[in-house]
Amino acid sequence: MNPIVHFEILAGPGQDKQKLQEFYARTFDWKVEVDNPFNYGMVDPGASKTGERGIAGAIDASEDGPEVVIYVEVDDPQRYLDRALANGGMQVMPVTVIPGAVTMAQFRDPSGNLLGIVASATPPGE
């Protein structure tokens, strides 16, 4: 099984991502950390009442409009992107490597929902 491992809540063009980050931090008591090289609003998944960790995520901005994106972990991003396209999906981002961080791709499902796929292994840094 390929688990959901990350989510993004994205502000659209002209929207204030900092206000969106504050909204979720205040509404759900989430810790949103923006002090990183990408100025990316990382959400600490925290622990549930049962002690299990939640799904890691981020609150950021997108030039394409406001949306929520989920990311599924896979062993071979290209293979799963090809499968998505063969099943009626549309590529948004080809397989892309961010050294030391992630290998990822994005596609829209037949209904237009944006999904991401991420490799289970972290690529080496530069």
C-alpha atoms as a PDB file:
ATOM      1  CA  MET A   1       0.000   0.000   0.000  1.00  0.00           C
ATOM      2  CA  ASN A   2       1.197   3.520  -0.756  1.00  0.00           C
ATOM      3  CA  PRO A   3       0.414   5.764   2.233  1.00  0.00           C
ATOM      4  CA  ILE A   4      -0.570   9.426   2.286  1.00  0.00           C
ATOM      5  CA  VAL A   5       2.461  11.130   3.819  1.00  0.00           C
ATOM      6  CA  HIS A   6       2.045  14.875   3.303  1.00  0.00           C
ATOM      7  CA  PHE A   7      -0.554  17.542   2.600  1.00  0.00           C
ATOM      8  CA  GLU A   8      -0.461  21.144   1.424  1.00  0.00           C
ATOM      9  CA  ILE A   9      -3.077  23.829   2.014  1.00  0.00           C
ATOM     10  CA  LEU A  10      -2.313  26.539  -0.523  1.00  0.00           C
ATOM     11  CA  ALA A  11      -3.327  30.179  -0.727  1.00  0.00           C
ATOM     12  CA  GLY A  12      -4.026  31.444  -4.228  1.00  0.00           C
ATOM     13  CA  PRO A  13      -2.634  34.437  -6.116  1.00  0.00           C
ATOM     14  CA  GLY A  14      -3.112  37.677  -4.209  1.00  0.00           C
ATOM     15  CA  GLN A  15      -3.969  35.820  -1.010  1.00  0.00           C
ATOM     16  CA  ASP A  16      -1.818  36.167   2.102  1.00  0.00           C
ATOM     17  CA  LYS A  17      -0.202  32.841   2.953  1.00  0.00           C
ATOM     18  CA  GLN A  18       0.887  34.167   6.362  1.00  0.00           C
ATOM     19  CA  LYS A  19      -2.751  34.877   7.257  1.00  0.00           C
ATOM     20  CA  LEU A  20      -3.684  31.386   6.081  1.00  0.00           C
ATOM     21  CA  GLN A  21      -0.904  29.913   8.237  1.00  0.00           C
ATOM     22  CA  GLU A  22      -2.141  31.929  11.224  1.00  0.00           C
ATOM     23  CA  PHE A  23      -5.731  30.798  10.600  1.00  0.00           C
ATOM     24  CA  TYR A  24      -4.814  27.110  10.812  1.00  0.00           C
ATOM     25  CA  ALA A  25      -2.392  27.638  13.709  1.00  0.00           C
ATOM     26  CA  ARG A  26      -5.076  29.424  15.731  1.00  0.00           C
ATOM     27  CA  THR A  27      -7.962  27.174  14.674  1.00  0.00           C
ATOM     28  CA  PHE A  28      -6.289  23.818  15.328  1.00  0.00           C
ATOM     29  CA  ASP A  29      -3.345  24.775  17.583  1.00  0.00           C
ATOM     30  CA  TRP A  30      -0.955  23.700  14.829  1.00  0.00           C
ATOM     31  CA  LYS A  31       2.700  24.669  14.976  1.00  0.00           C
ATOM     32  CA  VAL A  32       3.609  26.196  11.589  1.00  0.00           C
ATOM     33  CA  GLU A  33       7.363  26.616  11.082  1.00  0.00           C
ATOM     34  CA  VAL A  34       8.495  28.963   8.288  1.00  0.00           C
ATOM     35  CA  ASP A  35      12.168  29.290   9.264  1.00  0.00           C
ATOM     36  CA  ASN A  36      13.610  27.055   6.535  1.00  0.00           C
ATOM     37  CA  PRO A  37      15.474  27.526   3.240  1.00  0.00           C
ATOM     38  CA  PHE A  38      12.244  27.489   1.202  1.00  0.00           C
ATOM     39  CA  ASN A  39      10.204  29.727   3.572  1.00  0.00           C
ATOM     40  CA  TYR A  40       7.742  26.832   3.420  1.00  0.00           C
ATOM     41  CA  GLY A  41       5.145  26.730   6.229  1.00  0.00           C
ATOM     42  CA  MET A  42       5.806  23.237   7.612  1.00  0.00           C
ATOM     43  CA  VAL A  43       3.086  21.877   9.907  1.00  0.00           C
ATOM     44  CA  ASP A  44       4.238  19.669  12.774  1.00  0.00           C
ATOM     45  CA  PRO A  45       1.893  16.666  12.680  1.00  0.00           C
ATOM     46  CA  GLY A  46       1.815  16.399  16.467  1.00  0.00           C
ATOM     47  CA  ALA A  47       0.309  13.429  18.255  1.00  0.00           C
ATOM     48  CA  SER A  48      -3.302  12.394  18.620  1.00  0.00           C
ATOM     49  CA  LYS A  49      -4.914  11.525  21.930  1.00  0.00           C
ATOM     50  CA  THR A  50      -3.900   7.917  21.272  1.00  0.00           C
ATOM     51  CA  GLY A  51      -0.265   8.985  20.888  1.00  0.00           C
ATOM     52  CA  GLU A  52      -0.046   8.297  17.168  1.00  0.00           C
ATOM     53  CA  ARG A  53       1.547  10.917  14.928  1.00  0.00           C
ATOM     54  CA  GLY A  54      -0.518  12.725  12.323  1.00  0.00           C
ATOM     55  CA  ILE A  55       0.381  13.370   8.688  1.00  0.00           C
ATOM     56  CA  ALA A  56       3.050  16.019   8.093  1.00  0.00           C
ATOM     57  CA  GLY A  57       2.001  18.945   5.974  1.00  0.00           C
ATOM     58  CA  ALA A  58       2.471  22.543   4.966  1.00  0.00           C
ATOM     59  CA  ILE A  59       0.567  25.773   4.462  1.00  0.00           C
ATOM     60  CA  ASP A  60       1.980  27.811   1.617  1.00  0.00           C
ATOM     61  CA  ALA A  61       0.964  29.648  -1.558  1.00  0.00           C
ATOM     62  CA  SER A  62       0.387  28.687  -5.175  1.00  0.00           C
ATOM     63  CA  GLU A  63       0.241  30.684  -8.390  1.00  0.00           C
ATOM     64  CA  ASP A  64      -2.471  28.310  -9.615  1.00  0.00           C
ATOM     65  CA  GLY A  65      -5.117  29.160  -7.036  1.00  0.00           C
ATOM     66  CA  PRO A  66      -6.175  27.987  -3.610  1.00  0.00           C
ATOM     67  CA  GLU A  67      -6.285  24.231  -3.212  1.00  0.00           C
ATOM     68  CA  VAL A  68      -5.549  21.302  -0.962  1.00  0.00           C
ATOM     69  CA  VAL A  69      -3.040  18.724  -2.198  1.00  0.00           C
ATOM     70  CA  ILE A  70      -2.286  15.301  -0.761  1.00  0.00           C
ATOM     71  CA  TYR A  71       0.953  13.457  -1.406  1.00  0.00           C
ATOM     72  CA  VAL A  72       1.258   9.693  -1.685  1.00  0.00           C
ATOM     73  CA  GLU A  73       4.566   7.919  -1.026  1.00  0.00           C
ATOM     74  CA  VAL A  74       5.700   5.508  -3.752  1.00  0.00           C
ATOM     75  CA  ASP A  75       8.851   3.554  -4.532  1.00  0.00           C
ATOM     76  CA  ASP A  76       9.101   4.772  -8.152  1.00  0.00           C
ATOM     77  CA  PRO A  77       7.547   8.197  -8.900  1.00  0.00           C
ATOM     78  CA  GLN A  78       7.889   7.867 -12.684  1.00  0.00           C
ATOM     79  CA  ARG A  79       6.136   4.503 -12.729  1.00  0.00           C
ATOM     80  CA  TYR A  80       3.231   5.829 -10.677  1.00  0.00           C
ATOM     81  CA  LEU A  81       3.014   9.051 -12.708  1.00  0.00           C
ATOM     82  CA  ASP A  82       2.845   6.917 -15.862  1.00  0.00           C
ATOM     83  CA  ARG A  83       0.082   4.821 -14.265  1.00  0.00           C
ATOM     84  CA  ALA A  84      -1.882   7.957 -13.339  1.00  0.00           C
ATOM     85  CA  LEU A  85      -1.622   9.257 -16.906  1.00  0.00           C
ATOM     86  CA  ALA A  86      -2.627   5.875 -18.360  1.00  0.00           C
ATOM     87  CA  ASN A  87      -5.699   5.907 -16.111  1.00  0.00           C
ATOM     88  CA  GLY A  88      -6.902   9.328 -17.283  1.00  0.00           C
ATOM     89  CA  GLY A  89      -4.820  11.708 -15.155  1.00  0.00           C
ATOM     90  CA  MET A  90      -3.055  14.807 -16.473  1.00  0.00           C
ATOM     91  CA  GLN A  91       0.557  15.654 -15.612  1.00  0.00           C
ATOM     92  CA  VAL A  92       1.082  18.936 -13.780  1.00  0.00           C
ATOM     93  CA  MET A  93       4.724  18.503 -12.708  1.00  0.00           C
ATOM     94  CA  PRO A  94       7.106  15.903 -14.154  1.00  0.00           C
ATOM     95  CA  VAL A  95       9.258  13.890 -11.782  1.00  0.00           C
ATOM     96  CA  THR A  96      11.444  16.522 -10.157  1.00  0.00           C
ATOM     97  CA  VAL A  97      14.377  16.038  -7.796  1.00  0.00           C
ATOM     98  CA  ILE A  98      15.090  18.598  -5.086  1.00  0.00           C
ATOM     99  CA  PRO A  99      18.546  17.485  -3.876  1.00  0.00           C
ATOM    100  CA  GLY A 100      18.635  16.517  -0.228  1.00  0.00           C
ATOM    101  CA  ALA A 101      14.880  17.002   0.122  1.00  0.00           C
ATOM    102  CA  VAL A 102      12.478  15.089  -2.124  1.00  0.00           C
ATOM    103  CA  THR A 103      11.786  13.477  -5.500  1.00  0.00           C
ATOM    104  CA  MET A 104       8.241  14.324  -6.508  1.00  0.00           C
ATOM    105  CA  ALA A 105       5.695  14.740  -9.309  1.00  0.00           C
ATOM    106  CA  GLN A 106       2.138  16.089  -9.503  1.00  0.00           C
ATOM    107  CA  PHE A 107      -0.908  15.213 -11.560  1.00  0.00           C
ATOM    108  CA  ARG A 108      -4.608  15.985 -11.734  1.00  0.00           C
ATOM    109  CA  ASP A 109      -7.026  13.098 -11.460  1.00  0.00           C
ATOM    110  CA  PRO A 110      -9.909  12.789 -13.974  1.00  0.00           C
ATOM    111  CA  SER A 111     -12.038  15.082 -11.752  1.00  0.00           C
ATOM    112  CA  GLY A 112      -9.348  17.780 -11.627  1.00  0.00           C
ATOM    113  CA  ASN A 113      -8.058  17.141  -8.089  1.00  0.00           C
ATOM    114  CA  LEU A 114      -4.342  17.836  -7.670  1.00  0.00           C
ATOM    115  CA  LEU A 115      -2.283  15.001  -6.168  1.00  0.00           C
ATOM    116  CA  GLY A 116       1.406  14.619  -5.575  1.00  0.00           C
ATOM    117  CA  ILE A 117       3.596  11.567  -5.442  1.00  0.00           C
ATOM    118  CA  VAL A 118       6.856  11.463  -3.509  1.00  0.00           C
ATOM    119  CA  ALA A 119       9.648   8.912  -3.533  1.00  0.00           C
ATOM    120  CA  SER A 120      10.119   6.891  -0.385  1.00  0.00           C
ATOM    121  CA  ALA A 121      13.865   7.599  -0.506  1.00  0.00           C
ATOM    122  CA  THR A 122      15.364  11.052  -0.001  1.00  0.00           C
ATOM    123  CA  PRO A 123      17.695  12.005  -2.870  1.00  0.00           C
ATOM    124  CA  PRO A 124      21.302  12.857  -2.030  1.00  0.00           C
ATOM    125  CA  GLY A 125      22.148  16.536  -1.459  1.00  0.00           C
ATOM    126  CA  GLU A 126      24.308  18.571  -3.788  1.00  0.00           C
END
